[in-house]
Structures are given as C-alpha cells and as structure tokens.
Amino acid sequence: MRDAGARVAPMKPVGKKGADEIQRLQAACRAPYPSQLVQPYTFEDAAAPLIEARRAHSPIDTGILDRAFAELCTLSDAVVVEDSGGLLMPITETENFATLFQRWGVDIVIVAPNRSGAVNQVLTTFQIAKAQGLRTRAVILTTLTRERGGTAERTNLALLKELLLRVPVIQVPYAAAPDDPRTISALADALSAHPTIARPA
C-alpha cells in the first residue's frame, strides 16, 4: 500500500515502555504519526494490558483508544493495528482486542511462527475471529531458522492452505534482520498478488 502511494498509519494500542515499538512502527510506515495516537498506552512490562493497568493503578480508557484510531483514520488511507498477545487478551474487565477490532470494523491478518503447533494456533485464532464477526484477510507463517525443520515445519503451509480455502496463506522465508527492506518488499509482493488482500471489499 505504501509503495503504491497510500498513507499507511501504524498503531499498537497498548505497549511496553522502552521497547522502541513506536520507533519501529513509525519506521515501517515512513511517516511521523503522533506517538500518542500510534501507542496511546504504555506500561512497564508486556503482561496482559488489564494486569499492567491494574499494577500501574491506571485503568485503560477504551474511549481514548477509539479516538486515537479514528484520528489515525482521518490522517491516513489505511491503519495497520498490532494487538498485544492475541485477540482474547483482556484490555479491561469487559474488553479485549477482538471486541475492540469488531467495533473498529477492521479485518485480521494472522501471523504465526512456522513450528509445531502452528496449525492449531492459526485455526484457533481464525475461529475466534469468525465468532466475533471479524474477517481474516490472510495468514502469514514466519520462518524461525535457516534449518529445514521437521515434519510440522515442512507441512504446515500446505495443510493450512487445504483447510483455509478462501484465505491466502503465505510463508515468509527466514531473515536474520526481519526489518530488512528486501524482506519487507518480498512479503509485500506476495500479499499484493492476492486480490482479496490488495483490493479490500
């Protein structure tokens, strides 16, 4: 999207202090969106947002998250949102990332490491998203090592493609530096080859 001239804004609603997440997200999108919109809440650790908010005696106001997302939408052509720990990770006593994303009307890209258990992880997340009325646009398997891997690593991709017929499943080759422009460009090319991803309905 960015290479096509679109303004893409990053967002991670809840993050860890000192983790350079805002800088990483800003660099990926090559645009200086306001930090308070990109990551409205930061805490000392990377535990569940609800736990971190309780430890800090600073409850998360989902209205602040809603307004930050809405403002990023006005400043950009697309917003890419990263959760913190999965769709069911609690943000407040009544809200998790699934309910947040449902309210925002966003689609889902499932990212999972290609290893034993990946199929279960992806299918579980897919079913959670479906139950919440969220559309899964794609599944991305990340390669963790240069080694060929065992049976699971060699068969996960084909099995997920078989089970998720209408959802593109893409495997990203191992990269010593995941932020390398060549790696990002290759992934972008792979994603853009699928019309359901490149041209949202």
C-alpha atoms as a PDB file:
ATOM      1  CA  MET A   1       0.000   0.000   0.000  1.00  0.00           C
ATOM      2  CA  ARG A   2       2.763   2.396   0.942  1.00  0.00           C
ATOM      3  CA  ASP A   3       4.706   1.747  -2.263  1.00  0.00           C
ATOM      4  CA  ALA A   4       1.509   2.459  -4.225  1.00  0.00           C
ATOM      5  CA  GLY A   5       1.385   5.907  -2.669  1.00  0.00           C
ATOM      6  CA  ALA A   6      -1.083   5.183   0.124  1.00  0.00           C
ATOM      7  CA  ARG A   7      -0.619   6.805   3.527  1.00  0.00           C
ATOM      8  CA  VAL A   8      -0.365   3.899   5.983  1.00  0.00           C
ATOM      9  CA  ALA A   9      -0.529   4.598   9.714  1.00  0.00           C
ATOM     10  CA  PRO A  10       0.686   2.132  12.359  1.00  0.00           C
ATOM     11  CA  MET A  11      -0.968   1.527  15.703  1.00  0.00           C
ATOM     12  CA  LYS A  12      -0.309  -0.654  18.722  1.00  0.00           C
ATOM     13  CA  PRO A  13      -2.918   0.389  21.287  1.00  0.00           C
ATOM     14  CA  VAL A  14      -1.038  -0.938  24.306  1.00  0.00           C
ATOM     15  CA  GLY A  15       2.717  -1.482  24.523  1.00  0.00           C
ATOM     16  CA  LYS A  16       5.760  -1.705  26.745  1.00  0.00           C
ATOM     17  CA  LYS A  17       7.785   1.312  27.819  1.00  0.00           C
ATOM     18  CA  GLY A  18      11.283   1.487  26.410  1.00  0.00           C
ATOM     19  CA  ALA A  19      10.699  -1.217  23.801  1.00  0.00           C
ATOM     20  CA  ASP A  20      11.220   1.141  20.839  1.00  0.00           C
ATOM     21  CA  GLU A  21       7.911  -0.069  19.433  1.00  0.00           C
ATOM     22  CA  ILE A  22       6.781   3.378  18.350  1.00  0.00           C
ATOM     23  CA  GLN A  23      10.039   3.985  16.508  1.00  0.00           C
ATOM     24  CA  ARG A  24       9.823   0.581  14.825  1.00  0.00           C
ATOM     25  CA  LEU A  25       6.240   1.175  13.728  1.00  0.00           C
ATOM     26  CA  GLN A  26       6.982   4.692  12.521  1.00  0.00           C
ATOM     27  CA  ALA A  27       9.982   3.449  10.534  1.00  0.00           C
ATOM     28  CA  ALA A  28       7.930   0.716   8.882  1.00  0.00           C
ATOM     29  CA  CYS A  29       5.389   3.261   7.659  1.00  0.00           C
ATOM     30  CA  ARG A  30       7.947   6.003   6.953  1.00  0.00           C
ATOM     31  CA  ALA A  31       5.678   8.673   8.379  1.00  0.00           C
ATOM     32  CA  PRO A  32       5.790  10.613  11.662  1.00  0.00           C
ATOM     33  CA  TYR A  33       2.318   9.981  13.038  1.00  0.00           C
ATOM     34  CA  PRO A  34       1.802  11.346  16.587  1.00  0.00           C
ATOM     35  CA  SER A  35       3.161   8.927  19.183  1.00  0.00           C
ATOM     36  CA  GLN A  36       0.106   9.360  21.411  1.00  0.00           C
ATOM     37  CA  LEU A  37      -2.027   8.026  18.567  1.00  0.00           C
ATOM     38  CA  VAL A  38       0.305   5.234  17.489  1.00  0.00           C
ATOM     39  CA  GLN A  39       0.541   3.865  21.046  1.00  0.00           C
ATOM     40  CA  PRO A  40      -1.884   5.545  23.454  1.00  0.00           C
ATOM     41  CA  TYR A  41      -0.916   3.384  26.451  1.00  0.00           C
ATOM     42  CA  THR A  42       2.497   2.111  27.570  1.00  0.00           C
ATOM     43  CA  PHE A  43       3.302   0.107  30.693  1.00  0.00           C
ATOM     44  CA  GLU A  44       6.396  -1.212  32.410  1.00  0.00           C
ATOM     45  CA  ASP A  45       6.025  -4.821  31.304  1.00  0.00           C
ATOM     46  CA  ALA A  46       4.493  -6.863  28.482  1.00  0.00           C
ATOM     47  CA  ALA A  47       1.906  -8.741  30.550  1.00  0.00           C
ATOM     48  CA  ALA A  48      -1.800  -8.613  29.742  1.00  0.00           C
ATOM     49  CA  PRO A  49      -2.902  -4.979  29.369  1.00  0.00           C
ATOM     50  CA  LEU A  50      -5.527  -5.470  32.091  1.00  0.00           C
ATOM     51  CA  ILE A  51      -2.856  -6.693  34.535  1.00  0.00           C
ATOM     52  CA  GLU A  52      -0.435  -3.907  33.632  1.00  0.00           C
ATOM     53  CA  ALA A  53      -3.166  -1.295  34.047  1.00  0.00           C
ATOM     54  CA  ARG A  54      -4.024  -2.663  37.487  1.00  0.00           C
ATOM     55  CA  ARG A  55      -0.378  -2.716  38.553  1.00  0.00           C
ATOM     56  CA  ALA A  56       0.039   0.884  37.432  1.00  0.00           C
ATOM     57  CA  HIS A  57      -3.276   1.953  39.007  1.00  0.00           C
ATOM     58  CA  SER A  58      -4.106   3.410  35.603  1.00  0.00           C
ATOM     59  CA  PRO A  59      -7.223   1.843  34.054  1.00  0.00           C
ATOM     60  CA  ILE A  60      -7.304   1.791  30.260  1.00  0.00           C
ATOM     61  CA  ASP A  61      -9.991   4.038  28.812  1.00  0.00           C
ATOM     62  CA  THR A  62     -11.153   2.373  25.600  1.00  0.00           C
ATOM     63  CA  GLY A  63     -12.661   5.679  24.548  1.00  0.00           C
ATOM     64  CA  ILE A  64      -9.096   7.015  24.248  1.00  0.00           C
ATOM     65  CA  LEU A  65      -8.227   4.051  22.043  1.00  0.00           C
ATOM     66  CA  ASP A  66     -11.320   4.624  19.907  1.00  0.00           C
ATOM     67  CA  ARG A  67     -10.494   8.297  19.413  1.00  0.00           C
ATOM     68  CA  ALA A  68      -6.849   7.563  18.573  1.00  0.00           C
ATOM     69  CA  PHE A  69      -7.887   5.019  15.941  1.00  0.00           C
ATOM     70  CA  ALA A  70     -10.478   7.402  14.487  1.00  0.00           C
ATOM     71  CA  GLU A  71      -7.925  10.209  14.236  1.00  0.00           C
ATOM     72  CA  LEU A  72      -5.382   7.955  12.542  1.00  0.00           C
ATOM     73  CA  CYS A  73      -8.104   7.022  10.044  1.00  0.00           C
ATOM     74  CA  THR A  74      -8.551  10.697   9.179  1.00  0.00           C
ATOM     75  CA  LEU A  75      -4.792  11.189   8.785  1.00  0.00           C
ATOM     76  CA  SER A  76      -4.162   8.154   6.577  1.00  0.00           C
ATOM     77  CA  ASP A  77      -5.565   5.904   3.878  1.00  0.00           C
ATOM     78  CA  ALA A  78      -5.147   2.755   5.973  1.00  0.00           C
ATOM     79  CA  VAL A  79      -4.318   1.854   9.564  1.00  0.00           C
ATOM     80  CA  VAL A  80      -2.386  -1.311  10.453  1.00  0.00           C
ATOM     81  CA  VAL A  81      -3.091  -2.292  14.060  1.00  0.00           C
ATOM     82  CA  GLU A  82      -0.967  -4.724  16.079  1.00  0.00           C
ATOM     83  CA  ASP A  83      -2.517  -6.387  19.122  1.00  0.00           C
ATOM     84  CA  SER A  84      -0.679  -7.338  22.308  1.00  0.00           C
ATOM     85  CA  GLY A  85      -0.868 -11.063  22.887  1.00  0.00           C
ATOM     86  CA  GLY A  86      -3.823 -12.179  20.792  1.00  0.00           C
ATOM     87  CA  LEU A  87      -7.486 -11.462  20.140  1.00  0.00           C
ATOM     88  CA  LEU A  88      -8.731 -12.613  23.537  1.00  0.00           C
ATOM     89  CA  MET A  89      -6.090 -10.765  25.550  1.00  0.00           C
ATOM     90  CA  PRO A  90      -8.042  -8.625  28.054  1.00  0.00           C
ATOM     91  CA  ILE A  91      -7.678  -4.860  27.844  1.00  0.00           C
ATOM     92  CA  THR A  92     -10.263  -4.093  30.525  1.00  0.00           C
ATOM     93  CA  GLU A  93     -12.677  -6.234  32.539  1.00  0.00           C
ATOM     94  CA  THR A  94     -15.152  -6.086  29.629  1.00  0.00           C
ATOM     95  CA  GLU A  95     -12.996  -5.518  26.551  1.00  0.00           C
ATOM     96  CA  ASN A  96     -10.392  -7.498  24.640  1.00  0.00           C
ATOM     97  CA  PHE A  97      -8.732  -6.992  21.270  1.00  0.00           C
ATOM     98  CA  ALA A  98     -11.435  -8.977  19.481  1.00  0.00           C
ATOM     99  CA  THR A  99     -14.217  -6.725  20.740  1.00  0.00           C
ATOM    100  CA  LEU A 100     -12.073  -3.654  20.065  1.00  0.00           C
ATOM    101  CA  PHE A 101     -11.390  -4.714  16.479  1.00  0.00           C
ATOM    102  CA  GLN A 102     -15.036  -5.623  15.968  1.00  0.00           C
ATOM    103  CA  ARG A 103     -16.084  -2.119  16.971  1.00  0.00           C
ATOM    104  CA  TRP A 104     -13.438  -0.592  14.704  1.00  0.00           C
ATOM    105  CA  GLY A 105     -14.512  -2.742  11.756  1.00  0.00           C
ATOM    106  CA  VAL A 106     -11.003  -3.936  10.939  1.00  0.00           C
ATOM    107  CA  ASP A 107     -10.019  -7.122   9.137  1.00  0.00           C
ATOM    108  CA  ILE A 108      -7.462  -9.576  10.521  1.00  0.00           C
ATOM    109  CA  VAL A 109      -4.089 -10.854   9.326  1.00  0.00           C
ATOM    110  CA  ILE A 110      -2.963 -13.829  11.428  1.00  0.00           C
ATOM    111  CA  VAL A 111       0.804 -14.059  11.932  1.00  0.00           C
ATOM    112  CA  ALA A 112       2.248 -17.229  13.455  1.00  0.00           C
ATOM    113  CA  PRO A 113       5.711 -18.822  13.679  1.00  0.00           C
ATOM    114  CA  ASN A 114       6.044 -21.885  11.471  1.00  0.00           C
ATOM    115  CA  ARG A 115       6.658 -24.599  14.042  1.00  0.00           C
ATOM    116  CA  SER A 116       4.897 -27.459  15.791  1.00  0.00           C
ATOM    117  CA  GLY A 117       1.528 -26.208  16.997  1.00  0.00           C
ATOM    118  CA  ALA A 118       1.216 -23.513  14.337  1.00  0.00           C
ATOM    119  CA  VAL A 119      -1.806 -25.111  12.680  1.00  0.00           C
ATOM    120  CA  ASN A 120      -3.721 -25.217  15.953  1.00  0.00           C
ATOM    121  CA  GLN A 121      -2.684 -21.627  16.769  1.00  0.00           C
ATOM    122  CA  VAL A 122      -3.825 -20.323  13.397  1.00  0.00           C
ATOM    123  CA  LEU A 123      -7.107 -22.252  13.328  1.00  0.00           C
ATOM    124  CA  THR A 124      -7.944 -21.233  16.897  1.00  0.00           C
ATOM    125  CA  THR A 125      -7.354 -17.568  16.088  1.00  0.00           C
ATOM    126  CA  PHE A 126      -9.330 -17.926  12.854  1.00  0.00           C
ATOM    127  CA  GLN A 127     -12.309 -19.403  14.710  1.00  0.00           C
ATOM    128  CA  ILE A 128     -12.165 -16.688  17.380  1.00  0.00           C
ATOM    129  CA  ALA A 129     -12.116 -14.006  14.684  1.00  0.00           C
ATOM    130  CA  LYS A 130     -15.015 -15.646  12.851  1.00  0.00           C
ATOM    131  CA  ALA A 131     -17.085 -15.900  16.041  1.00  0.00           C
ATOM    132  CA  GLN A 132     -16.509 -12.181  16.635  1.00  0.00           C
ATOM    133  CA  GLY A 133     -17.570 -11.303  13.101  1.00  0.00           C
ATOM    134  CA  LEU A 134     -14.027 -10.444  12.015  1.00  0.00           C
ATOM    135  CA  ARG A 135     -12.838 -11.266   8.514  1.00  0.00           C
ATOM    136  CA  THR A 136      -9.410 -12.909   8.159  1.00  0.00           C
ATOM    137  CA  ARG A 137      -7.624 -11.458   5.135  1.00  0.00           C
ATOM    138  CA  ALA A 138      -4.519 -13.625   5.242  1.00  0.00           C
ATOM    139  CA  VAL A 139      -2.340 -15.968   7.268  1.00  0.00           C
ATOM    140  CA  ILE A 140       1.412 -15.378   7.414  1.00  0.00           C
ATOM    141  CA  LEU A 141       3.802 -18.072   8.638  1.00  0.00           C
ATOM    142  CA  THR A 142       7.178 -16.753   9.729  1.00  0.00           C
ATOM    143  CA  THR A 143      10.275 -18.933   9.392  1.00  0.00           C
ATOM    144  CA  LEU A 144      12.329 -19.003  12.589  1.00  0.00           C
ATOM    145  CA  THR A 145      15.555 -20.604  11.410  1.00  0.00           C
ATOM    146  CA  ARG A 146      17.643 -21.346   8.336  1.00  0.00           C
ATOM    147  CA  GLU A 147      17.327 -25.069   9.071  1.00  0.00           C
ATOM    148  CA  ARG A 148      14.881 -27.144   7.040  1.00  0.00           C
ATOM    149  CA  GLY A 149      12.895 -28.113  10.117  1.00  0.00           C
ATOM    150  CA  GLY A 150      10.872 -31.213  10.945  1.00  0.00           C
ATOM    151  CA  THR A 151       7.663 -32.601   9.525  1.00  0.00           C
ATOM    152  CA  ALA A 152       5.482 -29.887  11.061  1.00  0.00           C
ATOM    153  CA  GLU A 153       7.569 -27.058   9.620  1.00  0.00           C
ATOM    154  CA  ARG A 154       7.527 -28.719   6.188  1.00  0.00           C
ATOM    155  CA  THR A 155       3.784 -29.437   6.095  1.00  0.00           C
ATOM    156  CA  ASN A 156       2.106 -26.571   7.978  1.00  0.00           C
ATOM    157  CA  LEU A 157       1.824 -24.342   4.917  1.00  0.00           C
ATOM    158  CA  ALA A 158       0.162 -26.927   2.676  1.00  0.00           C
ATOM    159  CA  LEU A 159      -2.205 -28.096   5.420  1.00  0.00           C
ATOM    160  CA  LEU A 160      -3.360 -24.567   6.250  1.00  0.00           C
ATOM    161  CA  LYS A 161      -3.930 -23.854   2.567  1.00  0.00           C
ATOM    162  CA  GLU A 162      -6.059 -27.003   2.403  1.00  0.00           C
ATOM    163  CA  LEU A 163      -8.094 -26.113   5.484  1.00  0.00           C
ATOM    164  CA  LEU A 164      -8.486 -22.384   4.798  1.00  0.00           C
ATOM    165  CA  LEU A 165      -9.506 -22.499   1.168  1.00  0.00           C
ATOM    166  CA  ARG A 166     -10.646 -18.878   0.859  1.00  0.00           C
ATOM    167  CA  VAL A 167      -7.857 -17.340   2.932  1.00  0.00           C
ATOM    168  CA  PRO A 168      -4.407 -16.748   1.403  1.00  0.00           C
ATOM    169  CA  VAL A 169      -1.663 -18.480   3.413  1.00  0.00           C
ATOM    170  CA  ILE A 170       1.857 -17.152   2.861  1.00  0.00           C
ATOM    171  CA  GLN A 171       5.176 -18.270   4.292  1.00  0.00           C
ATOM    172  CA  VAL A 172       7.910 -15.697   4.873  1.00  0.00           C
ATOM    173  CA  PRO A 173      11.473 -17.021   4.443  1.00  0.00           C
ATOM    174  CA  TYR A 174      13.923 -16.774   7.303  1.00  0.00           C
ATOM    175  CA  ALA A 175      15.581 -13.377   7.631  1.00  0.00           C
ATOM    176  CA  ALA A 176      18.362 -12.550  10.062  1.00  0.00           C
ATOM    177  CA  ALA A 177      17.061  -8.963  10.029  1.00  0.00           C
ATOM    178  CA  PRO A 178      13.240  -9.035   9.753  1.00  0.00           C
ATOM    179  CA  ASP A 179      13.189  -5.265   9.149  1.00  0.00           C
ATOM    180  CA  ASP A 180      15.433  -5.636   6.090  1.00  0.00           C
ATOM    181  CA  PRO A 181      13.779  -3.750   3.173  1.00  0.00           C
ATOM    182  CA  ARG A 182      14.235  -6.751   0.878  1.00  0.00           C
ATOM    183  CA  THR A 183      12.319  -8.999   3.275  1.00  0.00           C
ATOM    184  CA  ILE A 184       9.527  -6.466   3.646  1.00  0.00           C
ATOM    185  CA  SER A 185       9.383  -5.929  -0.114  1.00  0.00           C
ATOM    186  CA  ALA A 186       9.148  -9.679  -0.778  1.00  0.00           C
ATOM    187  CA  LEU A 187       6.296 -10.014   1.705  1.00  0.00           C
ATOM    188  CA  ALA A 188       4.503  -7.019   0.191  1.00  0.00           C
ATOM    189  CA  ASP A 189       4.792  -8.564  -3.283  1.00  0.00           C
ATOM    190  CA  ALA A 190       3.420 -11.873  -2.009  1.00  0.00           C
ATOM    191  CA  LEU A 191       0.482 -10.185  -0.311  1.00  0.00           C
ATOM    192  CA  SER A 192      -0.332  -7.919  -3.240  1.00  0.00           C
ATOM    193  CA  ALA A 193      -0.537 -10.953  -5.530  1.00  0.00           C
ATOM    194  CA  HIS A 194      -3.833 -11.847  -3.827  1.00  0.00           C
ATOM    195  CA  PRO A 195      -6.713  -9.615  -4.991  1.00  0.00           C
ATOM    196  CA  THR A 196      -8.634 -10.167  -1.738  1.00  0.00           C
ATOM    197  CA  ILE A 197      -5.773  -8.505   0.130  1.00  0.00           C
ATOM    198  CA  ALA A 198      -4.678  -5.890  -2.392  1.00  0.00           C
ATOM    199  CA  ARG A 199      -8.195  -4.626  -3.080  1.00  0.00           C
ATOM    200  CA  PRO A 200     -10.358  -4.753   0.048  1.00  0.00           C
ATOM    201  CA  ALA A 201     -14.037  -5.415  -0.495  1.00  0.00           C
END
